[in-house]
Protein backbone atom coordinates (compact mmCIF):
# COMPACT_ATOMS: atom_id res chain seq x y z
CA UNK A 1 -84.99 172.69 69.45
CA UNK A 2 -86.00 169.51 71.29
CA UNK A 3 -85.13 169.77 74.72
CA UNK A 4 -84.48 173.43 74.33
CA UNK A 5 -80.90 175.11 74.13
CA UNK A 6 -79.94 173.53 77.57
CA UNK A 7 -80.36 169.96 76.34
CA UNK A 8 -78.58 170.98 73.18
CA UNK A 9 -75.82 172.21 75.26
CA UNK A 10 -75.56 169.44 77.31
CA UNK A 11 -75.33 167.25 73.96
CA UNK A 12 -72.41 169.35 72.78
CA UNK A 13 -70.32 168.94 75.92
CA UNK A 14 -70.90 165.34 75.58
CA UNK A 15 -69.83 164.95 72.06
CA UNK A 16 -67.00 167.25 72.62
CA UNK A 17 -65.35 165.08 75.20
CA UNK A 18 -66.36 161.56 73.18
CA UNK A 19 -65.06 162.97 69.88
CA UNK A 20 -61.75 164.29 68.25
CA UNK A 21 -61.12 167.87 69.32
CA UNK A 22 -60.84 168.74 65.49
CA UNK A 23 -64.56 168.05 65.07
CA UNK A 24 -65.43 171.31 67.05
CA UNK A 25 -64.93 174.67 66.12
CA UNK A 26 -66.08 178.21 66.21
CA UNK A 27 -67.92 177.81 63.52
CA UNK A 28 -70.06 174.99 64.40
CA UNK A 29 -72.17 176.51 67.17
CA UNK A 30 -72.33 179.89 64.99
CA UNK A 31 -73.72 177.86 62.49
CA UNK A 32 -76.41 176.46 64.41
CA UNK A 33 -77.43 179.72 65.84
CA UNK A 34 -77.51 181.71 62.70
CA UNK A 35 -79.99 179.05 61.81
CA UNK A 36 -82.07 179.43 64.92
CA UNK A 37 -82.34 183.24 64.56
CA UNK A 38 -83.64 182.88 60.87
CA UNK A 39 -86.35 180.77 62.09
CA UNK A 40 -87.29 182.91 64.86
CA UNK A 41 -85.77 181.54 67.92
CA UNK A 42 -83.18 184.28 68.93
CA UNK A 43 -83.21 183.64 72.32
CA UNK A 44 -82.10 179.85 71.71
CA UNK A 45 -79.26 181.48 69.77
CA UNK A 46 -78.33 183.71 71.94
CA UNK A 47 -77.53 180.90 74.74
CA UNK A 48 -75.81 178.63 71.96
CA UNK A 49 -73.50 181.81 71.09
CA UNK A 50 -72.52 182.45 74.83
CA UNK A 51 -71.48 179.02 75.14
CA UNK A 52 -69.59 180.00 71.89
CA UNK A 53 -68.10 183.04 73.38
CA UNK A 54 -66.89 181.05 76.60
CA UNK A 55 -65.36 178.42 74.25
CA UNK A 56 -63.64 181.35 72.14
CA UNK A 57 -63.14 184.29 74.02
CA UNK A 58 -60.66 185.61 71.60
CA UNK A 59 -62.96 185.49 68.42
CA UNK A 60 -64.25 188.50 67.25
CA UNK A 61 -66.37 186.58 64.70
CA UNK A 62 -67.98 184.94 67.77
CA UNK A 63 -68.80 188.24 69.58
CA UNK A 64 -70.01 189.71 66.53
CA UNK A 65 -72.52 186.61 66.21
CA UNK A 66 -73.09 186.97 69.59
CA UNK A 67 -74.29 191.04 69.18
CA UNK A 68 -76.28 189.80 65.95
CA UNK A 69 -78.28 187.54 68.45
CA UNK A 70 -78.90 190.00 70.85
CA UNK A 71 -80.05 192.41 68.69
CA UNK A 72 -82.42 189.79 67.41
CA UNK A 73 -83.95 188.96 70.53
CA UNK A 74 -84.34 192.88 71.60
CA UNK A 75 -81.62 193.09 74.10
CA UNK A 76 -79.68 196.08 72.79
CA UNK A 77 -77.46 196.96 75.84
CA UNK A 78 -76.10 193.10 75.29
CA UNK A 79 -75.53 193.80 71.58
CA UNK A 80 -73.78 196.89 72.04
CA UNK A 81 -71.29 195.14 74.54
CA UNK A 82 -70.53 192.18 72.16
CA UNK A 83 -70.11 194.45 69.69
CA UNK A 84 -67.73 196.57 71.16
CA UNK A 85 -65.94 193.56 72.37
CA UNK A 86 -65.68 191.98 68.57
CA UNK A 87 -64.13 195.59 67.99
CA UNK A 88 -61.55 195.35 70.65
CA UNK A 89 -60.33 191.95 69.19
CA UNK A 90 -60.41 193.37 65.72
CA UNK A 91 -60.99 196.88 65.24
CA UNK A 92 -60.79 196.70 61.36
CA UNK A 93 -64.34 195.25 61.22
CA UNK A 94 -66.46 197.76 59.22
CA UNK A 95 -69.37 196.05 59.47
CA UNK A 96 -69.55 195.36 62.92
CA UNK A 97 -68.88 198.85 63.54
CA UNK A 98 -71.79 199.93 61.26
CA UNK A 99 -74.34 197.75 63.57
CA UNK A 100 -72.72 199.05 66.71
CA UNK A 101 -73.11 202.68 65.61
CA UNK A 102 -76.75 202.01 64.34
CA UNK A 103 -77.41 200.46 67.79
CA UNK A 104 -76.11 203.90 69.37
CA UNK A 105 -78.47 205.73 66.91
CA UNK A 106 -75.72 207.11 64.37
CA UNK A 107 -73.30 208.09 67.21
CA UNK A 108 -69.65 206.55 67.26
């Protein structure tokens, strides 16, 4: 990412104030972060998803994505915390539960 995640986040903030609110939703940063993770920039993805979690704190999907990024970046304890937040928001997410159990070594 040219200028790194900080530059991207600054530009996002600029655009968010200049454009209609409908142009921005939790999926926008989630998709960018997923692309970054796929091409090997997990730490950059974490920064975008931390912003997304601040913007959409009530979204289980945002916290699950943040957990995925933390796991990809080798931040096990942070991944566990993010998955736990996702499950508090929506306890029925079996895929998130499975990832959390795997990080805990198969223990619920």
